[in-house]
Amino acid sequence: MFTGIVEEVGHVTSLRAKPQAMELTIACALILEDIKRGDSISINGVCLTVSTYDQHSFTVDVIPETVKSSTMSDLRTGARVNLERAMPANGRFGGHFVSGHVDGVGVIRTVNKESNAVTKTIELESSLMKYMMVKGSISVDGTSLTVFSVGKNTVAISLIPTTQEDSLLGEKGIGERVNIECDLLAKYTERIQQSDKPEMSRSWLAEHGF
């Protein structure tokens, strides 16, 4: 589980393509302070598992399903990536519940600067729009953000100066793809509402004391 508060920007030092999969090695500093084999690291919002590491970098495997459903295939050697370690049980919860399980890919359509903020409109897959609401939460490339407006197939997010400086999202421009994770609570609520409900008959009501 993550919070969507990017801790560090690392860069890809090695990318080894496999049939429909890939292996990434990422150089960083802060993330390595307490790293262990098997740790979960959010890389541009994708939860991946550390397979090996050394003093300068760590390596993860990316399976075919993740390659298909995220922007991992866009990465190249030298690319910079947002990084966040899994949330410690005794840590502050600064963002929102982020699982690192990407729901889809969005495309940045507009970028506008207003005072100290940068607002970006992102086009989403139509299947994701039902989870969007004004003032709701969204994870974009692993960054926890608030939805400021909702269009037919778009949402607008606004980046404060800290987010512009500490994550890659401030650098991304029109036409670039981003990983999208919808609010986990919204998805659970939908699933509960879709679960099978008992048929309400006279016998069922009597059985339950009505």
Protein backbone atom coordinates (compact mmCIF):
# COMPACT_ATOMS: atom_id res chain seq x y z
CA MET A 1 0.00 0.00 0.00
CA PHE A 2 1.23 3.48 -0.90
CA THR A 3 0.13 7.06 -0.23
CA GLY A 4 0.85 8.66 -3.59
CA ILE A 5 3.49 10.99 -2.11
CA VAL A 6 6.54 10.60 -4.35
CA GLU A 7 9.73 10.19 -2.30
CA GLU A 8 12.37 10.37 -4.99
CA VAL A 9 12.92 10.56 -8.74
CA GLY A 10 15.22 7.80 -9.99
CA HIS A 11 16.40 6.87 -13.47
CA VAL A 12 16.48 3.67 -15.50
CA THR A 13 20.05 2.42 -15.93
CA SER A 14 19.20 -0.84 -17.64
CA LEU A 15 16.19 -2.21 -19.50
CA ARG A 16 16.19 -5.81 -20.64
CA ALA A 17 13.28 -6.76 -22.85
CA LYS A 18 11.86 -10.28 -22.61
CA PRO A 19 8.99 -11.86 -24.56
CA GLN A 20 6.09 -9.54 -23.59
CA ALA A 21 7.90 -8.70 -20.34
CA MET A 22 10.89 -6.69 -19.13
CA GLU A 23 13.47 -6.31 -16.38
CA LEU A 24 14.30 -2.82 -15.10
CA THR A 25 17.25 -1.57 -13.08
CA ILE A 26 16.74 1.82 -11.48
CA ALA A 27 19.36 4.04 -9.86
CA CYS A 28 18.35 6.05 -6.80
CA ALA A 29 19.52 6.97 -3.28
CA LEU A 30 16.75 7.43 -0.69
CA ILE A 31 14.84 4.30 -1.69
CA LEU A 32 17.96 2.19 -1.08
CA GLU A 33 18.35 3.22 2.56
CA ASP A 34 16.35 0.29 3.94
CA ILE A 35 15.67 -1.79 0.83
CA LYS A 36 15.30 -5.58 0.96
CA ARG A 37 14.67 -8.30 -1.60
CA GLY A 38 10.90 -8.70 -1.94
CA ASP A 39 10.09 -5.07 -1.06
CA SER A 40 7.28 -3.35 -2.95
CA ILE A 41 8.25 -0.14 -4.74
CA SER A 42 5.88 2.13 -6.66
CA ILE A 43 7.48 3.04 -10.00
CA ASN A 44 5.40 5.65 -11.82
CA GLY A 45 2.44 4.32 -9.85
CA VAL A 46 3.06 0.65 -10.62
CA CYS A 47 3.71 -1.64 -7.65
CA LEU A 48 6.75 -3.81 -8.47
CA THR A 49 8.85 -6.19 -6.39
CA VAL A 50 12.59 -5.83 -5.76
CA SER A 51 14.44 -8.90 -7.05
CA THR A 52 18.04 -7.73 -6.52
CA TYR A 53 19.80 -4.56 -5.41
CA ASP A 54 23.24 -3.07 -4.73
CA GLN A 55 24.58 0.18 -3.29
CA HIS A 56 23.43 2.23 -6.26
CA SER A 57 20.32 0.63 -7.76
CA PHE A 58 17.60 -2.02 -7.57
CA THR A 59 16.08 -4.37 -10.14
CA VAL A 60 12.46 -5.40 -10.73
CA ASP A 61 10.68 -7.75 -13.12
CA VAL A 62 7.67 -6.48 -15.09
CA ILE A 63 5.23 -9.21 -16.11
CA PRO A 64 3.22 -9.20 -19.39
CA GLU A 65 -0.05 -8.03 -17.79
CA THR A 66 1.70 -4.98 -16.29
CA VAL A 67 3.40 -4.17 -19.59
CA LYS A 68 0.01 -4.25 -21.35
CA SER A 69 -1.94 -2.18 -18.81
CA SER A 70 0.57 0.57 -17.96
CA THR A 71 3.14 2.90 -19.51
CA MET A 72 6.07 0.65 -18.58
CA SER A 73 6.61 -0.14 -22.26
CA ASP A 74 7.29 3.58 -22.87
CA LEU A 75 10.39 3.55 -20.66
CA ARG A 76 13.88 3.67 -22.14
CA THR A 77 17.36 3.61 -20.62
CA GLY A 78 17.93 6.99 -18.96
CA ALA A 79 14.22 7.65 -18.37
CA ARG A 80 13.37 9.26 -15.04
CA VAL A 81 10.70 7.68 -12.84
CA ASN A 82 8.69 8.53 -9.72
CA LEU A 83 9.53 6.29 -6.75
CA GLU A 84 7.77 5.57 -3.46
CA ARG A 85 8.37 2.86 -0.88
CA ALA A 86 5.43 1.00 0.65
CA MET A 87 3.84 2.90 3.52
CA PRO A 88 5.19 1.96 6.99
CA ALA A 89 2.57 1.01 9.58
CA ASN A 90 3.72 3.84 11.86
CA GLY A 91 3.98 6.49 9.12
CA ARG A 92 1.84 9.52 8.39
CA PHE A 93 -0.78 9.10 5.69
CA GLY A 94 -0.17 12.16 3.51
CA GLY A 95 -2.07 11.23 0.33
CA HIS A 96 -4.78 8.61 -0.18
CA PHE A 97 -5.00 4.82 -0.43
CA VAL A 98 -2.90 3.85 -3.48
CA SER A 99 -2.43 0.15 -4.25
CA GLY A 100 -0.03 0.46 -7.19
CA HIS A 101 -2.43 -1.56 -9.37
CA VAL A 102 -2.91 0.60 -12.46
CA ASP A 103 -6.47 0.78 -13.85
CA GLY A 104 -5.57 2.28 -17.19
CA VAL A 105 -3.54 4.82 -19.14
CA GLY A 106 -4.47 8.46 -19.63
CA VAL A 107 -3.20 11.07 -22.11
CA ILE A 108 -2.45 14.69 -21.20
CA ARG A 109 -4.52 16.96 -23.47
CA THR A 110 -4.01 20.49 -22.09
CA VAL A 111 -1.51 22.24 -19.82
CA ASN A 112 -2.20 25.67 -18.30
CA LYS A 113 -0.26 27.72 -15.77
CA GLU A 114 -2.12 29.94 -13.32
CA SER A 115 -0.08 31.80 -10.70
CA ASN A 116 1.97 29.11 -8.88
CA ALA A 117 -0.16 26.16 -10.06
CA VAL A 118 -0.11 24.09 -13.25
CA THR A 119 -3.43 22.58 -14.34
CA LYS A 120 -3.47 19.58 -16.68
CA THR A 121 -6.45 18.00 -18.39
CA ILE A 122 -6.12 14.25 -18.83
CA GLU A 123 -8.19 12.13 -21.20
CA LEU A 124 -9.18 8.82 -19.65
CA GLU A 125 -10.58 5.56 -20.92
CA SER A 126 -14.38 5.82 -20.76
CA SER A 127 -14.57 2.84 -18.36
CA LEU A 128 -12.71 4.86 -15.70
CA MET A 129 -14.94 7.93 -15.73
CA LYS A 130 -17.54 6.43 -13.36
CA TYR A 131 -14.93 6.59 -10.57
CA MET A 132 -14.23 10.30 -11.08
CA MET A 133 -15.80 13.06 -9.01
CA VAL A 134 -14.93 16.68 -8.25
CA LYS A 135 -12.73 16.83 -5.13
CA GLY A 136 -12.20 13.07 -5.36
CA SER A 137 -8.80 11.38 -5.39
CA ILE A 138 -6.80 10.04 -8.32
CA SER A 139 -3.28 8.65 -8.68
CA VAL A 140 -1.40 9.87 -11.78
CA ASP A 141 1.99 8.21 -12.33
CA GLY A 142 1.92 7.33 -8.64
CA THR A 143 1.20 10.88 -7.50
CA SER A 144 -1.83 11.45 -5.24
CA LEU A 145 -3.91 14.30 -6.66
CA THR A 146 -7.34 15.89 -6.31
CA VAL A 147 -9.77 15.99 -9.23
CA PHE A 148 -10.78 19.62 -9.83
CA SER A 149 -13.20 19.15 -12.73
CA VAL A 150 -14.77 16.28 -14.66
CA GLY A 151 -15.64 16.35 -18.37
CA LYS A 152 -17.15 13.72 -20.64
CA ASN A 153 -13.91 11.72 -20.88
CA THR A 154 -11.48 14.02 -19.08
CA VAL A 155 -10.44 15.14 -15.63
CA ALA A 156 -8.46 18.20 -14.59
CA ILE A 157 -5.79 18.09 -11.89
CA SER A 158 -3.76 20.99 -10.49
CA LEU A 159 -0.14 20.69 -9.37
CA ILE A 160 1.15 22.74 -6.47
CA PRO A 161 4.81 23.89 -6.64
CA THR A 162 5.98 21.04 -4.38
CA THR A 163 4.45 18.41 -6.67
CA GLN A 164 5.95 20.13 -9.71
CA GLU A 165 9.40 19.99 -8.12
CA ASP A 166 9.32 16.57 -6.43
CA SER A 167 7.72 14.43 -9.15
CA LEU A 168 7.94 14.05 -12.93
CA LEU A 169 4.34 15.05 -13.52
CA GLY A 170 5.22 18.73 -13.68
CA GLU A 171 7.49 18.03 -16.68
CA LYS A 172 5.03 15.98 -18.70
CA GLY A 173 3.36 17.75 -21.60
CA ILE A 174 0.54 17.44 -24.11
CA GLY A 175 0.27 13.99 -25.71
CA GLU A 176 2.28 12.18 -23.05
CA ARG A 177 0.83 9.04 -21.46
CA VAL A 178 0.39 8.58 -17.71
CA ASN A 179 -0.58 5.70 -15.45
CA ILE A 180 -3.98 6.10 -13.80
CA GLU A 181 -5.23 4.45 -10.61
CA CYS A 182 -8.78 5.25 -9.53
CA ASP A 183 -9.81 5.72 -5.92
CA LEU A 184 -9.66 2.33 -4.21
CA LEU A 185 -12.65 3.09 -1.99
CA ALA A 186 -14.80 3.94 -5.04
CA LYS A 187 -13.93 0.61 -6.66
CA TYR A 188 -14.74 -1.38 -3.51
CA THR A 189 -18.04 0.46 -3.12
CA GLU A 190 -19.00 -0.42 -6.69
CA ARG A 191 -18.10 -4.08 -6.18
CA ILE A 192 -20.18 -4.31 -3.01
CA GLN A 193 -23.18 -2.79 -4.78
CA GLN A 194 -22.80 -5.30 -7.61
CA SER A 195 -22.68 -8.32 -5.28
CA ASP A 196 -25.58 -10.75 -5.30
CA LYS A 197 -28.49 -9.65 -3.12
CA PRO A 198 -31.01 -12.13 -1.69
CA GLU A 199 -34.49 -12.08 -3.17
CA MET A 200 -36.73 -10.28 -0.70
CA SER A 201 -39.76 -12.53 -0.22
CA ARG A 202 -42.31 -12.94 2.60
CA SER A 203 -40.39 -15.95 3.92
CA TRP A 204 -37.07 -14.05 3.83
CA LEU A 205 -38.62 -11.13 5.73
CA ALA A 206 -40.14 -13.49 8.32
CA GLU A 207 -36.81 -15.28 8.75
CA HIS A 208 -35.10 -11.98 9.48
CA GLY A 209 -37.67 -10.76 11.99
CA PHE A 210 -39.84 -8.53 9.84
